[in-house]
């Protein structure tokens, strides 16, 4: 969503906003890396045990992500529409 316009905020709030940006980016990067590590672990489990029933149960309850298994490789898919509501 791209909005045009202006907004007025205090310098204190602006400073706080700019200070939080690096933390937000670090958190985003950490989440991405953690999801990749979990994919590797789940893929490993797929080669050892049948986990499809557990994945189905997880996917039924999860609001923010889904696990997809293709050829014994797990992928984590984030549900963008639900994640934007948080």
N, C-alpha and C. Protein backbone atom coordinates (compact mmCIF):
# COMPACT_ATOMS: atom_id res chain seq x y z
N UNK A 1 0.85 -1.16 0.00
CA UNK A 1 0.00 0.00 0.00
C UNK A 1 0.90 1.22 0.00
N UNK A 2 0.70 2.08 -0.96
CA UNK A 2 1.52 3.27 -1.10
C UNK A 2 0.63 4.50 -0.90
N UNK A 3 0.95 5.28 0.11
CA UNK A 3 0.17 6.46 0.41
C UNK A 3 1.01 7.71 0.20
N UNK A 4 0.38 8.72 -0.34
CA UNK A 4 1.04 10.02 -0.47
C UNK A 4 0.47 10.95 0.57
N UNK A 5 1.30 11.83 1.09
CA UNK A 5 0.83 12.78 2.08
C UNK A 5 1.92 13.12 3.06
N UNK A 6 1.53 13.81 4.11
CA UNK A 6 2.49 14.19 5.14
C UNK A 6 1.91 13.85 6.49
N UNK A 7 2.80 13.81 7.46
CA UNK A 7 2.39 13.56 8.83
C UNK A 7 3.33 14.36 9.73
N UNK A 8 2.82 14.79 10.83
CA UNK A 8 3.63 15.54 11.79
C UNK A 8 3.75 14.71 13.06
N UNK A 9 5.01 14.46 13.45
CA UNK A 9 5.26 13.77 14.71
C UNK A 9 6.34 14.54 15.46
N UNK A 10 6.40 14.30 16.74
CA UNK A 10 7.41 15.00 17.54
C UNK A 10 8.80 14.46 17.20
N UNK A 11 9.83 15.27 17.45
CA UNK A 11 11.19 14.82 17.21
C UNK A 11 11.55 13.63 18.09
N UNK A 12 11.01 13.61 19.30
CA UNK A 12 11.24 12.50 20.21
C UNK A 12 10.71 11.21 19.60
N UNK A 13 9.49 11.25 19.06
CA UNK A 13 8.91 10.07 18.43
C UNK A 13 9.67 9.69 17.16
N UNK A 14 10.11 10.68 16.40
CA UNK A 14 10.88 10.42 15.19
C UNK A 14 12.20 9.73 15.54
N UNK A 15 12.88 10.23 16.55
CA UNK A 15 14.15 9.63 16.98
C UNK A 15 13.93 8.18 17.41
N UNK A 16 12.88 7.95 18.18
CA UNK A 16 12.58 6.59 18.64
C UNK A 16 12.31 5.68 17.44
N UNK A 17 11.57 6.17 16.47
CA UNK A 17 11.26 5.40 15.27
C UNK A 17 12.53 5.04 14.50
N UNK A 18 13.41 5.99 14.33
CA UNK A 18 14.65 5.72 13.59
C UNK A 18 15.58 4.80 14.37
N UNK A 19 15.54 4.86 15.70
CA UNK A 19 16.37 3.97 16.51
C UNK A 19 15.86 2.53 16.47
N UNK A 20 14.56 2.34 16.29
CA UNK A 20 13.97 1.01 16.28
C UNK A 20 14.16 0.29 14.94
N UNK A 21 14.40 1.02 13.88
CA UNK A 21 14.52 0.41 12.55
C UNK A 21 15.59 -0.68 12.50
N UNK A 22 16.83 -0.45 12.97
CA UNK A 22 17.83 -1.53 12.92
C UNK A 22 17.40 -2.77 13.70
N UNK A 23 16.72 -2.58 14.83
CA UNK A 23 16.25 -3.72 15.61
C UNK A 23 15.21 -4.52 14.81
N UNK A 24 14.33 -3.82 14.13
CA UNK A 24 13.31 -4.46 13.32
C UNK A 24 13.94 -5.26 12.19
N UNK A 25 14.93 -4.69 11.54
CA UNK A 25 15.60 -5.39 10.45
C UNK A 25 16.35 -6.62 10.97
N UNK A 26 16.97 -6.50 12.13
CA UNK A 26 17.67 -7.63 12.73
C UNK A 26 16.68 -8.75 13.06
N UNK A 27 15.54 -8.38 13.61
CA UNK A 27 14.50 -9.36 13.94
C UNK A 27 13.99 -10.05 12.68
N UNK A 28 13.78 -9.29 11.63
CA UNK A 28 13.31 -9.85 10.35
C UNK A 28 14.34 -10.85 9.81
N UNK A 29 15.61 -10.49 9.86
CA UNK A 29 16.67 -11.37 9.37
C UNK A 29 16.75 -12.63 10.22
N UNK A 30 16.66 -12.48 11.54
CA UNK A 30 16.71 -13.64 12.43
C UNK A 30 15.53 -14.59 12.19
N UNK A 31 14.35 -14.04 11.96
CA UNK A 31 13.17 -14.86 11.68
C UNK A 31 13.37 -15.65 10.39
N UNK A 32 13.89 -14.99 9.37
CA UNK A 32 14.13 -15.67 8.10
C UNK A 32 15.14 -16.80 8.28
N UNK A 33 16.25 -16.53 8.96
CA UNK A 33 17.28 -17.55 9.17
C UNK A 33 16.76 -18.71 10.02
N UNK A 34 15.97 -18.40 11.05
CA UNK A 34 15.40 -19.46 11.88
C UNK A 34 14.45 -20.33 11.08
N UNK A 35 13.65 -19.72 10.20
CA UNK A 35 12.72 -20.52 9.39
C UNK A 35 13.48 -21.46 8.46
N UNK A 36 14.61 -21.01 7.93
CA UNK A 36 15.42 -21.88 7.07
C UNK A 36 16.01 -23.04 7.88
N UNK A 37 16.47 -22.76 9.09
CA UNK A 37 17.01 -23.83 9.94
C UNK A 37 15.92 -24.85 10.30
N UNK A 38 14.73 -24.37 10.58
CA UNK A 38 13.62 -25.27 10.90
C UNK A 38 13.25 -26.11 9.68
N UNK A 39 13.31 -25.52 8.48
CA UNK A 39 13.05 -26.29 7.27
C UNK A 39 14.04 -27.44 7.13
N UNK A 40 15.31 -27.17 7.42
CA UNK A 40 16.33 -28.23 7.33
C UNK A 40 16.02 -29.33 8.35
N UNK A 41 15.68 -28.94 9.57
CA UNK A 41 15.37 -29.93 10.59
C UNK A 41 14.15 -30.76 10.21
N UNK A 42 13.10 -30.11 9.75
CA UNK A 42 11.89 -30.85 9.35
C UNK A 42 12.18 -31.77 8.16
N UNK A 43 13.01 -31.31 7.24
CA UNK A 43 13.38 -32.16 6.10
C UNK A 43 14.14 -33.38 6.58
N UNK A 44 15.01 -33.20 7.55
CA UNK A 44 15.73 -34.33 8.16
C UNK A 44 14.74 -35.31 8.78
N UNK A 45 13.77 -34.79 9.53
CA UNK A 45 12.77 -35.67 10.15
C UNK A 45 11.97 -36.45 9.11
N UNK A 46 11.68 -35.80 8.00
CA UNK A 46 10.91 -36.47 6.94
C UNK A 46 11.63 -37.70 6.41
N UNK A 47 12.96 -37.68 6.44
CA UNK A 47 13.71 -38.84 5.94
C UNK A 47 13.78 -39.95 6.97
N UNK A 48 13.42 -39.67 8.23
CA UNK A 48 13.51 -40.65 9.31
C UNK A 48 12.16 -41.21 9.75
N UNK A 49 11.16 -40.34 9.79
CA UNK A 49 9.85 -40.71 10.32
C UNK A 49 8.75 -40.13 9.43
N UNK A 50 7.60 -40.80 9.38
CA UNK A 50 6.46 -40.18 8.67
C UNK A 50 5.84 -39.08 9.55
N UNK A 51 6.00 -37.84 9.14
CA UNK A 51 5.51 -36.73 9.96
C UNK A 51 4.32 -36.00 9.32
N UNK A 52 3.81 -36.54 8.23
CA UNK A 52 2.74 -35.86 7.51
C UNK A 52 1.52 -35.58 8.38
N UNK A 53 1.16 -36.52 9.25
CA UNK A 53 0.00 -36.31 10.13
C UNK A 53 0.24 -35.15 11.08
N UNK A 54 1.46 -35.04 11.57
CA UNK A 54 1.80 -33.93 12.47
C UNK A 54 1.79 -32.60 11.73
N UNK A 55 2.27 -32.63 10.50
CA UNK A 55 2.27 -31.40 9.68
C UNK A 55 0.84 -30.97 9.40
N UNK A 56 -0.02 -31.91 9.06
CA UNK A 56 -1.44 -31.58 8.83
C UNK A 56 -2.08 -30.98 10.08
N UNK A 57 -1.79 -31.56 11.23
CA UNK A 57 -2.35 -31.03 12.48
C UNK A 57 -1.82 -29.63 12.75
N UNK A 58 -0.53 -29.41 12.50
CA UNK A 58 0.04 -28.08 12.69
C UNK A 58 -0.62 -27.08 11.75
N UNK A 59 -0.74 -27.45 10.47
CA UNK A 59 -1.30 -26.53 9.48
C UNK A 59 -2.76 -26.17 9.78
N UNK A 60 -3.50 -27.08 10.38
CA UNK A 60 -4.90 -26.78 10.74
C UNK A 60 -4.98 -25.73 11.84
N UNK A 61 -4.00 -25.72 12.74
CA UNK A 61 -4.04 -24.83 13.89
C UNK A 61 -3.28 -23.52 13.68
N UNK A 62 -2.34 -23.52 12.77
CA UNK A 62 -1.48 -22.36 12.59
C UNK A 62 -2.20 -21.24 11.85
N UNK A 63 -2.04 -20.03 12.36
CA UNK A 63 -2.64 -18.86 11.71
C UNK A 63 -1.62 -18.08 10.89
N UNK A 64 -0.35 -18.21 11.20
CA UNK A 64 0.67 -17.36 10.59
C UNK A 64 1.57 -18.06 9.58
N UNK A 65 1.59 -19.39 9.59
CA UNK A 65 2.46 -20.10 8.65
C UNK A 65 1.91 -21.49 8.37
N UNK A 66 2.43 -22.06 7.31
CA UNK A 66 2.08 -23.42 6.92
C UNK A 66 3.37 -24.15 6.59
N UNK A 67 3.37 -25.45 6.85
CA UNK A 67 4.50 -26.30 6.46
C UNK A 67 4.07 -27.06 5.22
N UNK A 68 4.89 -27.00 4.19
CA UNK A 68 4.63 -27.70 2.94
C UNK A 68 5.77 -28.69 2.74
N UNK A 69 5.43 -29.95 2.48
CA UNK A 69 6.45 -30.97 2.24
C UNK A 69 6.32 -31.46 0.81
N UNK A 70 7.43 -31.33 0.06
CA UNK A 70 7.48 -31.80 -1.32
C UNK A 70 8.77 -32.59 -1.48
N UNK A 71 8.64 -33.86 -1.89
CA UNK A 71 9.82 -34.73 -2.08
C UNK A 71 10.70 -34.77 -0.84
N UNK A 72 10.09 -34.95 0.32
CA UNK A 72 10.78 -35.04 1.61
C UNK A 72 11.58 -33.78 1.96
N UNK A 73 11.20 -32.66 1.39
CA UNK A 73 11.81 -31.38 1.74
C UNK A 73 10.73 -30.46 2.27
N UNK A 74 10.97 -29.92 3.46
CA UNK A 74 9.98 -29.06 4.11
C UNK A 74 10.26 -27.60 3.77
N UNK A 75 9.19 -26.86 3.58
CA UNK A 75 9.25 -25.42 3.37
C UNK A 75 8.25 -24.77 4.29
N UNK A 76 8.62 -23.64 4.84
CA UNK A 76 7.71 -22.87 5.69
C UNK A 76 7.19 -21.71 4.86
N UNK A 77 5.88 -21.64 4.74
CA UNK A 77 5.23 -20.56 3.99
C UNK A 77 4.51 -19.66 4.99
N UNK A 78 4.82 -18.38 4.96
CA UNK A 78 4.17 -17.44 5.85
C UNK A 78 2.88 -16.95 5.21
N UNK A 79 1.81 -16.89 6.00
CA UNK A 79 0.52 -16.39 5.54
C UNK A 79 0.54 -14.87 5.65
N UNK A 80 0.79 -14.20 4.56
CA UNK A 80 0.95 -12.75 4.57
C UNK A 80 -0.29 -12.02 5.06
N UNK A 81 -1.49 -12.46 4.66
CA UNK A 81 -2.68 -11.71 5.04
C UNK A 81 -2.91 -11.75 6.54
N UNK A 82 -2.59 -12.87 7.21
CA UNK A 82 -2.75 -12.95 8.66
C UNK A 82 -1.64 -12.23 9.40
N UNK A 83 -0.43 -12.23 8.84
CA UNK A 83 0.70 -11.59 9.51
C UNK A 83 0.58 -10.07 9.50
N UNK A 84 -0.14 -9.52 8.55
CA UNK A 84 -0.29 -8.07 8.49
C UNK A 84 -1.28 -7.55 9.53
N UNK A 85 -2.07 -8.42 10.13
CA UNK A 85 -3.09 -8.00 11.10
C UNK A 85 -2.52 -7.85 12.51
N UNK A 86 -1.34 -8.39 12.76
CA UNK A 86 -0.78 -8.41 14.12
C UNK A 86 -0.46 -7.04 14.63
